[in-house]
Amino acid sequence: MDKDFPSQLLRAISFAAKKHTRQRRKNAEQSPYIEHPVQVAQYLWEVGGVRDPEIILAAVLHDTIEDTGTTSQEISIEFGDRVAGIVVEVTDDKSLPKHERKQLQIEHAPTLTEAAKLVKLADKICNIRDVVDDPPQGWDIQRRNEYLIWAQSVVNGLRGINEIMEREFEEIVTKGLKQLS
């Protein structure tokens, strides 16, 4: 483990917190958005057993390009080319219509690097937990079910990357579909 990792992680959290400052989660209490990327990184570390510092840093930063206007160059300068590359891989092109972005996630999942697959899988797990247990305001049961089914399609393209996380994904989706039916 890189002895500078704790410092790099704190810098990444600070960077992401600043970038996501005005953003809130879509849940009823409108939690600060930064909770989500930190949760994704924590999940990778604690459940996934991921010890690659660059993957953890990318998890913290995974929504900065997509949601804040941060550039890959900014991330590359601050955290290195590999971290920036992972973030770019998991970033949706917001210029495309939503249905197209969702379809591209399904199509691109199998082509991601192992590092990006880990971040994407952790992100989907954390999002599904929220959709089931603390859903976005205004999401009825049908929309929540549709999200779970779509997320399964994305995760099918990530298979073989982390058995523990994949097993937990299946448990959460199964629980969610039962709970929402």
C-alpha atoms as a PDB file:
ATOM      1  CA  MET A   1       0.000   0.000   0.000  1.00  0.00           C
ATOM      2  CA  ASP A   2       1.302   3.408  -0.966  1.00  0.00           C
ATOM      3  CA  LYS A   3       2.271   5.337   2.185  1.00  0.00           C
ATOM      4  CA  ASP A   4       0.767   8.478   0.603  1.00  0.00           C
ATOM      5  CA  PHE A   5      -2.624   6.808   0.108  1.00  0.00           C
ATOM      6  CA  PRO A   6      -4.305   8.261   3.234  1.00  0.00           C
ATOM      7  CA  SER A   7      -3.300  11.759   2.138  1.00  0.00           C
ATOM      8  CA  GLN A   8      -4.416  11.112  -1.449  1.00  0.00           C
ATOM      9  CA  LEU A   9      -7.756   9.753  -0.233  1.00  0.00           C
ATOM     10  CA  LEU A  10      -8.393  12.805   1.926  1.00  0.00           C
ATOM     11  CA  ARG A  11      -7.473  15.059  -1.009  1.00  0.00           C
ATOM     12  CA  ALA A  12      -9.881  13.140  -3.266  1.00  0.00           C
ATOM     13  CA  ILE A  13     -12.701  13.412  -0.725  1.00  0.00           C
ATOM     14  CA  SER A  14     -12.053  17.140  -0.339  1.00  0.00           C
ATOM     15  CA  PHE A  15     -11.891  17.595  -4.133  1.00  0.00           C
ATOM     16  CA  ALA A  16     -15.155  15.679  -4.666  1.00  0.00           C
ATOM     17  CA  ALA A  17     -16.883  17.463  -1.766  1.00  0.00           C
ATOM     18  CA  LYS A  18     -16.026  20.844  -3.283  1.00  0.00           C
ATOM     19  CA  LYS A  19     -17.161  19.761  -6.727  1.00  0.00           C
ATOM     20  CA  HIS A  20     -20.459  18.321  -5.410  1.00  0.00           C
ATOM     21  CA  THR A  21     -21.049  21.167  -2.899  1.00  0.00           C
ATOM     22  CA  ARG A  22     -24.406  22.318  -4.246  1.00  0.00           C
ATOM     23  CA  GLN A  23     -25.707  18.854  -5.083  1.00  0.00           C
ATOM     24  CA  ARG A  24     -28.117  16.831  -2.995  1.00  0.00           C
ATOM     25  CA  ARG A  25     -29.276  13.236  -3.224  1.00  0.00           C
ATOM     26  CA  LYS A  26     -32.809  12.714  -4.530  1.00  0.00           C
ATOM     27  CA  ASN A  27     -34.013  11.023  -1.336  1.00  0.00           C
ATOM     28  CA  ALA A  28     -36.636  12.535   0.984  1.00  0.00           C
ATOM     29  CA  GLU A  29     -34.102  14.221   3.264  1.00  0.00           C
ATOM     30  CA  GLN A  30     -32.010  15.451   0.321  1.00  0.00           C
ATOM     31  CA  SER A  31     -28.743  14.219   1.820  1.00  0.00           C
ATOM     32  CA  PRO A  32     -25.493  15.870   0.721  1.00  0.00           C
ATOM     33  CA  TYR A  33     -24.396  14.243  -2.537  1.00  0.00           C
ATOM     34  CA  ILE A  34     -20.844  13.580  -1.326  1.00  0.00           C
ATOM     35  CA  GLU A  35     -22.235  10.776   0.841  1.00  0.00           C
ATOM     36  CA  HIS A  36     -22.714   8.664  -2.289  1.00  0.00           C
ATOM     37  CA  PRO A  37     -19.158   8.636  -3.732  1.00  0.00           C
ATOM     38  CA  VAL A  38     -17.705   8.124  -0.256  1.00  0.00           C
ATOM     39  CA  GLN A  39     -20.123   5.221   0.242  1.00  0.00           C
ATOM     40  CA  VAL A  40     -19.010   3.656  -3.067  1.00  0.00           C
ATOM     41  CA  ALA A  41     -15.335   3.870  -2.058  1.00  0.00           C
ATOM     42  CA  GLN A  42     -16.078   2.540   1.416  1.00  0.00           C
ATOM     43  CA  TYR A  43     -18.056  -0.360  -0.053  1.00  0.00           C
ATOM     44  CA  LEU A  44     -15.179  -1.311  -2.359  1.00  0.00           C
ATOM     45  CA  TRP A  45     -12.754  -1.279   0.582  1.00  0.00           C
ATOM     46  CA  GLU A  46     -14.899  -2.956   3.238  1.00  0.00           C
ATOM     47  CA  VAL A  47     -16.990  -5.442   1.240  1.00  0.00           C
ATOM     48  CA  GLY A  48     -15.122  -5.827  -2.029  1.00  0.00           C
ATOM     49  CA  GLY A  49     -11.704  -6.097  -0.402  1.00  0.00           C
ATOM     50  CA  VAL A  50     -10.271  -3.711  -2.995  1.00  0.00           C
ATOM     51  CA  ARG A  51      -6.884  -2.400  -1.897  1.00  0.00           C
ATOM     52  CA  ASP A  52      -5.776  -0.676  -5.085  1.00  0.00           C
ATOM     53  CA  PRO A  53      -5.488   2.998  -4.064  1.00  0.00           C
ATOM     54  CA  GLU A  54      -6.240   4.287  -7.557  1.00  0.00           C
ATOM     55  CA  ILE A  55      -9.513   2.356  -7.723  1.00  0.00           C
ATOM     56  CA  ILE A  56     -10.564   3.751  -4.339  1.00  0.00           C
ATOM     57  CA  LEU A  57      -9.659   7.285  -5.444  1.00  0.00           C
ATOM     58  CA  ALA A  58     -11.604   6.804  -8.688  1.00  0.00           C
ATOM     59  CA  ALA A  59     -14.616   5.626  -6.678  1.00  0.00           C
ATOM     60  CA  VAL A  60     -14.588   8.850  -4.663  1.00  0.00           C
ATOM     61  CA  LEU A  61     -14.311  10.863  -7.884  1.00  0.00           C
ATOM     62  CA  HIS A  62     -16.557   8.703 -10.087  1.00  0.00           C
ATOM     63  CA  ASP A  63     -19.366  11.255 -10.564  1.00  0.00           C
ATOM     64  CA  THR A  64     -17.297  14.442 -10.777  1.00  0.00           C
ATOM     65  CA  ILE A  65     -16.996  14.589 -14.575  1.00  0.00           C
ATOM     66  CA  GLU A  66     -20.578  13.491 -15.180  1.00  0.00           C
ATOM     67  CA  ASP A  67     -22.255  15.712 -12.600  1.00  0.00           C
ATOM     68  CA  THR A  68     -20.035  18.727 -11.921  1.00  0.00           C
ATOM     69  CA  GLY A  69     -18.293  19.796 -15.087  1.00  0.00           C
ATOM     70  CA  THR A  70     -14.931  18.619 -13.811  1.00  0.00           C
ATOM     71  CA  THR A  71     -12.595  17.659 -16.647  1.00  0.00           C
ATOM     72  CA  SER A  72     -10.557  14.504 -16.957  1.00  0.00           C
ATOM     73  CA  GLN A  73      -7.501  16.765 -17.187  1.00  0.00           C
ATOM     74  CA  GLU A  74      -8.221  18.192 -13.722  1.00  0.00           C
ATOM     75  CA  ILE A  75      -8.435  14.700 -12.268  1.00  0.00           C
ATOM     76  CA  SER A  76      -5.317  13.607 -14.133  1.00  0.00           C
ATOM     77  CA  ILE A  77      -3.311  16.540 -12.805  1.00  0.00           C
ATOM     78  CA  GLU A  78      -4.491  16.017  -9.227  1.00  0.00           C
ATOM     79  CA  PHE A  79      -4.656  12.208  -9.036  1.00  0.00           C
ATOM     80  CA  GLY A  80      -2.926  10.741 -12.076  1.00  0.00           C
ATOM     81  CA  ASP A  81      -3.815   9.398 -15.495  1.00  0.00           C
ATOM     82  CA  ARG A  82      -5.043   5.991 -14.311  1.00  0.00           C
ATOM     83  CA  VAL A  83      -7.517   7.483 -11.825  1.00  0.00           C
ATOM     84  CA  ALA A  84      -8.757   9.904 -14.490  1.00  0.00           C
ATOM     85  CA  GLY A  85      -9.073   7.043 -16.985  1.00  0.00           C
ATOM     86  CA  ILE A  86     -11.204   4.972 -14.603  1.00  0.00           C
ATOM     87  CA  VAL A  87     -13.467   7.958 -13.929  1.00  0.00           C
ATOM     88  CA  VAL A  88     -13.832   8.599 -17.660  1.00  0.00           C
ATOM     89  CA  GLU A  89     -14.785   4.959 -18.247  1.00  0.00           C
ATOM     90  CA  VAL A  90     -17.680   5.101 -15.765  1.00  0.00           C
ATOM     91  CA  THR A  91     -18.900   8.543 -16.879  1.00  0.00           C
ATOM     92  CA  ASP A  92     -22.108   8.893 -18.883  1.00  0.00           C
ATOM     93  CA  ASP A  93     -22.243  11.383 -21.729  1.00  0.00           C
ATOM     94  CA  LYS A  94     -24.895  13.800 -20.434  1.00  0.00           C
ATOM     95  CA  SER A  95     -25.328  15.293 -23.910  1.00  0.00           C
ATOM     96  CA  LEU A  96     -27.177  12.115 -24.927  1.00  0.00           C
ATOM     97  CA  PRO A  97     -30.830  11.420 -24.102  1.00  0.00           C
ATOM     98  CA  LYS A  98     -31.328   9.461 -20.875  1.00  0.00           C
ATOM     99  CA  HIS A  99     -32.621   6.286 -22.567  1.00  0.00           C
ATOM    100  CA  GLU A 100     -29.576   6.245 -24.838  1.00  0.00           C
ATOM    101  CA  ARG A 101     -27.173   6.724 -21.898  1.00  0.00           C
ATOM    102  CA  LYS A 102     -28.832   3.846 -20.051  1.00  0.00           C
ATOM    103  CA  GLN A 103     -28.559   1.562 -23.096  1.00  0.00           C
ATOM    104  CA  LEU A 104     -24.900   2.484 -23.570  1.00  0.00           C
ATOM    105  CA  GLN A 105     -24.165   1.516 -19.962  1.00  0.00           C
ATOM    106  CA  ILE A 106     -25.507  -1.974 -20.718  1.00  0.00           C
ATOM    107  CA  GLU A 107     -23.527  -2.218 -23.967  1.00  0.00           C
ATOM    108  CA  HIS A 108     -20.257  -0.843 -22.564  1.00  0.00           C
ATOM    109  CA  ALA A 109     -20.194  -2.747 -19.258  1.00  0.00           C
ATOM    110  CA  PRO A 110     -18.412  -5.834 -20.672  1.00  0.00           C
ATOM    111  CA  THR A 111     -15.732  -3.665 -22.320  1.00  0.00           C
ATOM    112  CA  LEU A 112     -14.696  -1.752 -19.192  1.00  0.00           C
ATOM    113  CA  THR A 113     -11.335  -2.352 -17.552  1.00  0.00           C
ATOM    114  CA  GLU A 114     -11.348  -4.428 -14.375  1.00  0.00           C
ATOM    115  CA  ALA A 115     -10.857  -1.282 -12.301  1.00  0.00           C
ATOM    116  CA  ALA A 116     -13.815   0.488 -13.917  1.00  0.00           C
ATOM    117  CA  LYS A 117     -15.966  -2.644 -13.544  1.00  0.00           C
ATOM    118  CA  LEU A 118     -15.286  -2.650  -9.799  1.00  0.00           C
ATOM    119  CA  VAL A 119     -16.278   1.004  -9.460  1.00  0.00           C
ATOM    120  CA  LYS A 120     -19.368   0.527 -11.640  1.00  0.00           C
ATOM    121  CA  LEU A 121     -20.471  -2.550  -9.666  1.00  0.00           C
ATOM    122  CA  ALA A 122     -20.052  -0.804  -6.307  1.00  0.00           C
ATOM    123  CA  ASP A 123     -21.916   2.218  -7.664  1.00  0.00           C
ATOM    124  CA  LYS A 124     -24.836   0.067  -8.810  1.00  0.00           C
ATOM    125  CA  ILE A 125     -24.984  -1.736  -5.448  1.00  0.00           C
ATOM    126  CA  CYS A 126     -25.057   1.541  -3.532  1.00  0.00           C
ATOM    127  CA  ASN A 127     -27.668   2.998  -5.888  1.00  0.00           C
ATOM    128  CA  ILE A 128     -29.879  -0.064  -5.587  1.00  0.00           C
ATOM    129  CA  ARG A 129     -29.717   0.061  -1.802  1.00  0.00           C
ATOM    130  CA  ASP A 130     -30.924   3.649  -2.014  1.00  0.00           C
ATOM    131  CA  VAL A 131     -33.680   2.875  -4.521  1.00  0.00           C
ATOM    132  CA  VAL A 132     -34.978   0.095  -2.265  1.00  0.00           C
ATOM    133  CA  ASP A 133     -34.465   1.613   1.201  1.00  0.00           C
ATOM    134  CA  ASP A 134     -34.369   5.397   0.668  1.00  0.00           C
ATOM    135  CA  PRO A 135     -35.803   6.029  -2.811  1.00  0.00           C
ATOM    136  CA  PRO A 136     -35.679   9.244  -4.755  1.00  0.00           C
ATOM    137  CA  GLN A 137     -38.717  11.409  -4.123  1.00  0.00           C
ATOM    138  CA  GLY A 138     -41.503  10.731  -6.575  1.00  0.00           C
ATOM    139  CA  TRP A 139     -40.255   7.319  -7.645  1.00  0.00           C
ATOM    140  CA  ASP A 140     -43.225   4.978  -7.542  1.00  0.00           C
ATOM    141  CA  ILE A 141     -42.877   1.206  -7.250  1.00  0.00           C
ATOM    142  CA  GLN A 142     -42.920   0.700 -11.024  1.00  0.00           C
ATOM    143  CA  ARG A 143     -40.045   3.123 -11.603  1.00  0.00           C
ATOM    144  CA  ARG A 144     -38.051   1.567  -8.778  1.00  0.00           C
ATOM    145  CA  ASN A 145     -38.617  -1.935 -10.225  1.00  0.00           C
ATOM    146  CA  GLU A 146     -37.566  -0.727 -13.675  1.00  0.00           C
ATOM    147  CA  TYR A 147     -34.353   0.659 -12.193  1.00  0.00           C
ATOM    148  CA  LEU A 148     -33.555  -2.672 -10.509  1.00  0.00           C
ATOM    149  CA  ILE A 149     -34.141  -4.610 -13.723  1.00  0.00           C
ATOM    150  CA  TRP A 150     -32.021  -2.152 -15.747  1.00  0.00           C
ATOM    151  CA  ALA A 151     -29.226  -2.313 -13.142  1.00  0.00           C
ATOM    152  CA  GLN A 152     -29.242  -6.113 -13.470  1.00  0.00           C
ATOM    153  CA  SER A 153     -28.673  -5.708 -17.207  1.00  0.00           C
ATOM    154  CA  VAL A 154     -25.672  -3.458 -16.573  1.00  0.00           C
ATOM    155  CA  VAL A 155     -24.223  -5.755 -13.914  1.00  0.00           C
ATOM    156  CA  ASN A 156     -24.579  -8.790 -16.185  1.00  0.00           C
ATOM    157  CA  GLY A 157     -21.793  -7.200 -18.244  1.00  0.00           C
ATOM    158  CA  LEU A 158     -19.587  -6.835 -15.168  1.00  0.00           C
ATOM    159  CA  ARG A 159     -19.686 -10.491 -14.103  1.00  0.00           C
ATOM    160  CA  GLY A 160     -16.548 -12.259 -12.993  1.00  0.00           C
ATOM    161  CA  ILE A 161     -14.925  -9.244 -11.377  1.00  0.00           C
ATOM    162  CA  ASN A 162     -15.655  -9.752  -7.652  1.00  0.00           C
ATOM    163  CA  GLU A 163     -17.605 -12.755  -6.398  1.00  0.00           C
ATOM    164  CA  ILE A 164     -18.478 -11.246  -3.011  1.00  0.00           C
ATOM    165  CA  MET A 165     -19.833  -8.028  -4.509  1.00  0.00           C
ATOM    166  CA  GLU A 166     -21.717  -9.887  -7.228  1.00  0.00           C
ATOM    167  CA  ARG A 167     -23.340 -12.148  -4.656  1.00  0.00           C
ATOM    168  CA  GLU A 168     -24.360  -9.160  -2.554  1.00  0.00           C
ATOM    169  CA  PHE A 169     -25.732  -7.432  -5.662  1.00  0.00           C
ATOM    170  CA  GLU A 170     -27.976 -10.425  -6.347  1.00  0.00           C
ATOM    171  CA  GLU A 171     -29.171 -10.506  -2.740  1.00  0.00           C
ATOM    172  CA  ILE A 172     -30.008  -6.802  -2.757  1.00  0.00           C
ATOM    173  CA  VAL A 173     -31.825  -6.970  -6.106  1.00  0.00           C
ATOM    174  CA  THR A 174     -33.785 -10.072  -5.072  1.00  0.00           C
ATOM    175  CA  LYS A 175     -34.763  -8.423  -1.783  1.00  0.00           C
ATOM    176  CA  GLY A 176     -35.697  -5.238  -3.610  1.00  0.00           C
ATOM    177  CA  LEU A 177     -37.838  -6.936  -6.236  1.00  0.00           C
ATOM    178  CA  LYS A 178     -39.667  -8.910  -3.522  1.00  0.00           C
ATOM    179  CA  GLN A 179     -40.122  -5.824  -1.373  1.00  0.00           C
ATOM    180  CA  LEU A 180     -41.431  -3.776  -4.278  1.00  0.00           C
ATOM    181  CA  SER A 181     -43.786  -6.400  -5.690  1.00  0.00           C
END
